[in-house]
Amino acid sequence: METTLPVAMNQPSFSTPSQWCDHADELAKRGDSKGALAAYTEALRHDASLVRALVGRGILSYHDHSWDKAVADFTLALRLEPDNVSARINRANAFHQRGNTERAIEDYTHALNVDPSNWQAFLGRSLAFSALGQHHNAEHDQRMASELAEERGIDL
């Protein structure tokens, strides 16, 4: 006679890592960071090369001010997809928060080489340039960020 263990209440069961990521995205939208983090981690348990889960988990770590964890996840994502603009910008943001402004500028610049119209990369790089006292570069990037964001209906 086969015995099965009862499934814990509210414990979802998904068959693919992508479904775990969808669940994590939904939890994150609802503000359940802890649940979203667990779901991204479960997705990665099934597929350690799932860039979407690495980026999602990195963003949650960033918002939790866990800069080192965020950088680690974004770095893993970038090893798999070096031109992933989201991972690149988010890692740059985490580097900047850790005080590694030069590395942040390198990542923002790489993101702009891949996507020259990315207003978020210009904005982040302008803040990094400003932190280094490179005001001319900061003003240029701030102007570019504002123009590009305005084209998309975003008010900075």
C-alpha atoms as a PDB file:
ATOM      1  CA  MET A   1       0.000   0.000   0.000  1.00  0.00           C
ATOM      2  CA  GLU A   2       1.468   3.343  -1.082  1.00  0.00           C
ATOM      3  CA  THR A   3       1.404   6.194   1.391  1.00  0.00           C
ATOM      4  CA  THR A   4       1.420   9.844   0.407  1.00  0.00           C
ATOM      5  CA  LEU A   5       2.229  12.727   2.639  1.00  0.00           C
ATOM      6  CA  PRO A   6      -0.307  15.524   2.849  1.00  0.00           C
ATOM      7  CA  VAL A   7       0.596  18.674   0.971  1.00  0.00           C
ATOM      8  CA  ALA A   8       1.006  21.667   3.258  1.00  0.00           C
ATOM      9  CA  MET A   9      -1.769  24.206   3.065  1.00  0.00           C
ATOM     10  CA  ASN A  10      -1.020  27.131   0.753  1.00  0.00           C
ATOM     11  CA  GLN A  11       2.064  25.339  -0.593  1.00  0.00           C
ATOM     12  CA  PRO A  12       1.901  25.658  -4.387  1.00  0.00           C
ATOM     13  CA  SER A  13       3.171  22.925  -6.636  1.00  0.00           C
ATOM     14  CA  PHE A  14       4.336  23.757 -10.142  1.00  0.00           C
ATOM     15  CA  SER A  15       5.820  21.522 -12.781  1.00  0.00           C
ATOM     16  CA  THR A  16       8.194  23.985 -14.465  1.00  0.00           C
ATOM     17  CA  PRO A  17      10.689  26.601 -13.293  1.00  0.00           C
ATOM     18  CA  SER A  18       8.885  29.132 -15.478  1.00  0.00           C
ATOM     19  CA  GLN A  19       5.681  28.543 -13.506  1.00  0.00           C
ATOM     20  CA  TRP A  20       7.612  29.176 -10.297  1.00  0.00           C
ATOM     21  CA  CYS A  21       8.839  32.459 -11.807  1.00  0.00           C
ATOM     22  CA  ASP A  22       5.299  33.453 -12.796  1.00  0.00           C
ATOM     23  CA  HIS A  23       4.214  32.747  -9.227  1.00  0.00           C
ATOM     24  CA  ALA A  24       7.163  34.743  -7.852  1.00  0.00           C
ATOM     25  CA  ASP A  25       6.310  37.679 -10.122  1.00  0.00           C
ATOM     26  CA  GLU A  26       2.719  37.645  -8.861  1.00  0.00           C
ATOM     27  CA  LEU A  27       3.825  37.477  -5.231  1.00  0.00           C
ATOM     28  CA  ALA A  28       6.250  40.371  -5.778  1.00  0.00           C
ATOM     29  CA  LYS A  29       3.460  42.474  -7.330  1.00  0.00           C
ATOM     30  CA  ARG A  30       1.353  41.817  -4.236  1.00  0.00           C
ATOM     31  CA  GLY A  31       4.216  42.910  -1.989  1.00  0.00           C
ATOM     32  CA  ASP A  32       5.054  39.446  -0.668  1.00  0.00           C
ATOM     33  CA  SER A  33       8.828  39.724  -1.020  1.00  0.00           C
ATOM     34  CA  LYS A  34       9.530  36.746   1.228  1.00  0.00           C
ATOM     35  CA  GLY A  35       7.213  34.490  -0.766  1.00  0.00           C
ATOM     36  CA  ALA A  36       8.565  35.792  -4.079  1.00  0.00           C
ATOM     37  CA  LEU A  37      12.139  35.179  -2.944  1.00  0.00           C
ATOM     38  CA  ALA A  38      11.243  31.598  -2.000  1.00  0.00           C
ATOM     39  CA  ALA A  39       9.519  31.021  -5.357  1.00  0.00           C
ATOM     40  CA  TYR A  40      12.481  32.377  -7.369  1.00  0.00           C
ATOM     41  CA  THR A  41      14.799  30.200  -5.308  1.00  0.00           C
ATOM     42  CA  GLU A  42      12.594  27.173  -6.021  1.00  0.00           C
ATOM     43  CA  ALA A  43      12.707  27.962  -9.743  1.00  0.00           C
ATOM     44  CA  LEU A  44      16.506  28.065  -9.528  1.00  0.00           C
ATOM     45  CA  ARG A  45      16.541  24.757  -7.647  1.00  0.00           C
ATOM     46  CA  HIS A  46      14.960  23.239 -10.752  1.00  0.00           C
ATOM     47  CA  ASP A  47      17.024  25.232 -13.273  1.00  0.00           C
ATOM     48  CA  ALA A  48      20.095  27.081 -11.964  1.00  0.00           C
ATOM     49  CA  SER A  49      20.562  28.788 -15.334  1.00  0.00           C
ATOM     50  CA  LEU A  50      17.195  30.559 -15.372  1.00  0.00           C
ATOM     51  CA  VAL A  51      18.214  34.190 -15.866  1.00  0.00           C
ATOM     52  CA  ARG A  52      14.694  35.468 -15.189  1.00  0.00           C
ATOM     53  CA  ALA A  53      14.782  33.944 -11.694  1.00  0.00           C
ATOM     54  CA  LEU A  54      18.287  35.242 -10.987  1.00  0.00           C
ATOM     55  CA  VAL A  55      17.301  38.777 -11.989  1.00  0.00           C
ATOM     56  CA  GLY A  56      14.046  38.609 -10.030  1.00  0.00           C
ATOM     57  CA  ARG A  57      15.791  37.348  -6.913  1.00  0.00           C
ATOM     58  CA  GLY A  58      18.531  39.939  -7.348  1.00  0.00           C
ATOM     59  CA  ILE A  59      15.972  42.750  -7.531  1.00  0.00           C
ATOM     60  CA  LEU A  60      14.323  41.512  -4.329  1.00  0.00           C
ATOM     61  CA  SER A  61      17.727  41.369  -2.609  1.00  0.00           C
ATOM     62  CA  TYR A  62      18.462  44.894  -3.838  1.00  0.00           C
ATOM     63  CA  HIS A  63      15.187  46.213  -2.401  1.00  0.00           C
ATOM     64  CA  ASP A  64      16.075  44.482   0.865  1.00  0.00           C
ATOM     65  CA  HIS A  65      19.426  46.373   0.834  1.00  0.00           C
ATOM     66  CA  SER A  66      21.297  43.066   0.520  1.00  0.00           C
ATOM     67  CA  TRP A  67      23.742  44.516  -2.001  1.00  0.00           C
ATOM     68  CA  ASP A  68      26.165  41.566  -1.987  1.00  0.00           C
ATOM     69  CA  LYS A  69      23.407  39.019  -2.627  1.00  0.00           C
ATOM     70  CA  ALA A  70      21.986  41.224  -5.378  1.00  0.00           C
ATOM     71  CA  VAL A  71      25.383  41.593  -7.054  1.00  0.00           C
ATOM     72  CA  ALA A  72      25.935  37.818  -6.836  1.00  0.00           C
ATOM     73  CA  ASP A  73      22.626  37.024  -8.568  1.00  0.00           C
ATOM     74  CA  PHE A  74      23.072  39.681 -11.242  1.00  0.00           C
ATOM     75  CA  THR A  75      26.627  38.478 -11.868  1.00  0.00           C
ATOM     76  CA  LEU A  76      25.415  34.905 -12.358  1.00  0.00           C
ATOM     77  CA  ALA A  77      22.732  36.156 -14.747  1.00  0.00           C
ATOM     78  CA  LEU A  78      25.330  38.128 -16.710  1.00  0.00           C
ATOM     79  CA  ARG A  79      27.607  35.084 -17.011  1.00  0.00           C
ATOM     80  CA  LEU A  80      24.705  33.395 -18.780  1.00  0.00           C
ATOM     81  CA  GLU A  81      23.508  36.456 -20.744  1.00  0.00           C
ATOM     82  CA  PRO A  82      26.248  39.126 -20.843  1.00  0.00           C
ATOM     83  CA  ASP A  83      24.039  41.602 -22.707  1.00  0.00           C
ATOM     84  CA  ASN A  84      21.021  41.336 -20.404  1.00  0.00           C
ATOM     85  CA  VAL A  85      20.318  45.037 -19.898  1.00  0.00           C
ATOM     86  CA  SER A  86      18.091  44.582 -16.859  1.00  0.00           C
ATOM     87  CA  ALA A  87      20.700  42.514 -15.013  1.00  0.00           C
ATOM     88  CA  ARG A  88      23.433  44.957 -16.076  1.00  0.00           C
ATOM     89  CA  ILE A  89      21.589  48.077 -14.842  1.00  0.00           C
ATOM     90  CA  ASN A  90      20.471  46.446 -11.621  1.00  0.00           C
ATOM     91  CA  ARG A  91      23.987  45.222 -10.883  1.00  0.00           C
ATOM     92  CA  ALA A  92      25.265  48.727 -11.565  1.00  0.00           C
ATOM     93  CA  ASN A  93      22.708  50.101  -9.093  1.00  0.00           C
ATOM     94  CA  ALA A  94      23.883  47.607  -6.465  1.00  0.00           C
ATOM     95  CA  PHE A  95      27.545  48.421  -7.130  1.00  0.00           C
ATOM     96  CA  HIS A  96      26.743  52.116  -6.719  1.00  0.00           C
ATOM     97  CA  GLN A  97      24.987  51.429  -3.405  1.00  0.00           C
ATOM     98  CA  ARG A  98      28.032  49.459  -2.210  1.00  0.00           C
ATOM     99  CA  GLY A  99      30.259  52.420  -3.080  1.00  0.00           C
ATOM    100  CA  ASN A 100      31.885  50.763  -6.090  1.00  0.00           C
ATOM    101  CA  THR A 101      31.050  53.659  -8.380  1.00  0.00           C
ATOM    102  CA  GLU A 102      33.624  52.880 -11.072  1.00  0.00           C
ATOM    103  CA  ARG A 103      32.199  49.363 -11.540  1.00  0.00           C
ATOM    104  CA  ALA A 104      28.718  50.871 -11.650  1.00  0.00           C
ATOM    105  CA  ILE A 105      29.758  53.213 -14.457  1.00  0.00           C
ATOM    106  CA  GLU A 106      31.246  50.274 -16.379  1.00  0.00           C
ATOM    107  CA  ASP A 107      27.957  48.379 -16.139  1.00  0.00           C
ATOM    108  CA  TYR A 108      25.813  51.394 -17.064  1.00  0.00           C
ATOM    109  CA  THR A 109      28.080  52.005 -20.047  1.00  0.00           C
ATOM    110  CA  HIS A 110      27.835  48.377 -21.142  1.00  0.00           C
ATOM    111  CA  ALA A 111      24.038  48.579 -20.896  1.00  0.00           C
ATOM    112  CA  LEU A 112      24.089  51.711 -23.068  1.00  0.00           C
ATOM    113  CA  ASN A 113      26.295  49.975 -25.629  1.00  0.00           C
ATOM    114  CA  VAL A 114      23.601  47.285 -25.897  1.00  0.00           C
ATOM    115  CA  ASP A 115      20.629  49.681 -25.671  1.00  0.00           C
ATOM    116  CA  PRO A 116      21.654  53.290 -26.457  1.00  0.00           C
ATOM    117  CA  SER A 117      18.162  54.607 -25.722  1.00  0.00           C
ATOM    118  CA  ASN A 118      17.885  53.230 -22.182  1.00  0.00           C
ATOM    119  CA  TRP A 119      16.980  56.205 -20.004  1.00  0.00           C
ATOM    120  CA  GLN A 120      17.496  54.202 -16.783  1.00  0.00           C
ATOM    121  CA  ALA A 121      21.127  53.498 -17.677  1.00  0.00           C
ATOM    122  CA  PHE A 122      21.712  57.183 -18.445  1.00  0.00           C
ATOM    123  CA  LEU A 123      20.069  58.214 -15.183  1.00  0.00           C
ATOM    124  CA  GLY A 124      22.063  55.743 -13.092  1.00  0.00           C
ATOM    125  CA  ARG A 125      25.302  56.677 -14.785  1.00  0.00           C
ATOM    126  CA  SER A 126      24.582  60.381 -14.250  1.00  0.00           C
ATOM    127  CA  LEU A 127      24.232  59.744 -10.512  1.00  0.00           C
ATOM    128  CA  ALA A 128      27.456  57.746 -10.490  1.00  0.00           C
ATOM    129  CA  PHE A 129      29.330  60.454 -12.408  1.00  0.00           C
ATOM    130  CA  SER A 130      27.989  63.033  -9.981  1.00  0.00           C
ATOM    131  CA  ALA A 131      29.211  60.975  -7.007  1.00  0.00           C
ATOM    132  CA  LEU A 132      32.700  61.064  -8.550  1.00  0.00           C
ATOM    133  CA  GLY A 133      32.516  64.812  -9.124  1.00  0.00           C
ATOM    134  CA  GLN A 134      32.387  64.406 -12.905  1.00  0.00           C
ATOM    135  CA  HIS A 135      29.663  67.028 -13.249  1.00  0.00           C
ATOM    136  CA  HIS A 136      29.960  67.609 -17.000  1.00  0.00           C
ATOM    137  CA  ASN A 137      29.399  63.896 -17.689  1.00  0.00           C
ATOM    138  CA  ALA A 138      26.630  63.786 -15.076  1.00  0.00           C
ATOM    139  CA  GLU A 139      24.793  66.717 -16.667  1.00  0.00           C
ATOM    140  CA  HIS A 140      25.047  65.167 -20.128  1.00  0.00           C
ATOM    141  CA  ASP A 141      23.653  61.828 -18.943  1.00  0.00           C
ATOM    142  CA  GLN A 142      20.905  63.526 -16.903  1.00  0.00           C
ATOM    143  CA  ARG A 143      19.846  65.466 -20.009  1.00  0.00           C
ATOM    144  CA  MET A 144      19.838  62.262 -22.091  1.00  0.00           C
ATOM    145  CA  ALA A 145      17.837  60.396 -19.423  1.00  0.00           C
ATOM    146  CA  SER A 146      15.258  63.187 -19.277  1.00  0.00           C
ATOM    147  CA  GLU A 147      14.865  63.365 -23.053  1.00  0.00           C
ATOM    148  CA  LEU A 148      14.543  59.606 -23.464  1.00  0.00           C
ATOM    149  CA  ALA A 149      12.133  59.253 -20.543  1.00  0.00           C
ATOM    150  CA  GLU A 150      10.004  62.126 -21.861  1.00  0.00           C
ATOM    151  CA  GLU A 151       9.746  60.347 -25.243  1.00  0.00           C
ATOM    152  CA  ARG A 152       8.182  57.451 -23.337  1.00  0.00           C
ATOM    153  CA  GLY A 153       5.833  59.666 -21.344  1.00  0.00           C
ATOM    154  CA  ILE A 154       7.846  59.339 -18.147  1.00  0.00           C
ATOM    155  CA  ASP A 155       8.434  62.450 -16.073  1.00  0.00           C
ATOM    156  CA  LEU A 156      11.738  62.508 -14.218  1.00  0.00           C
END
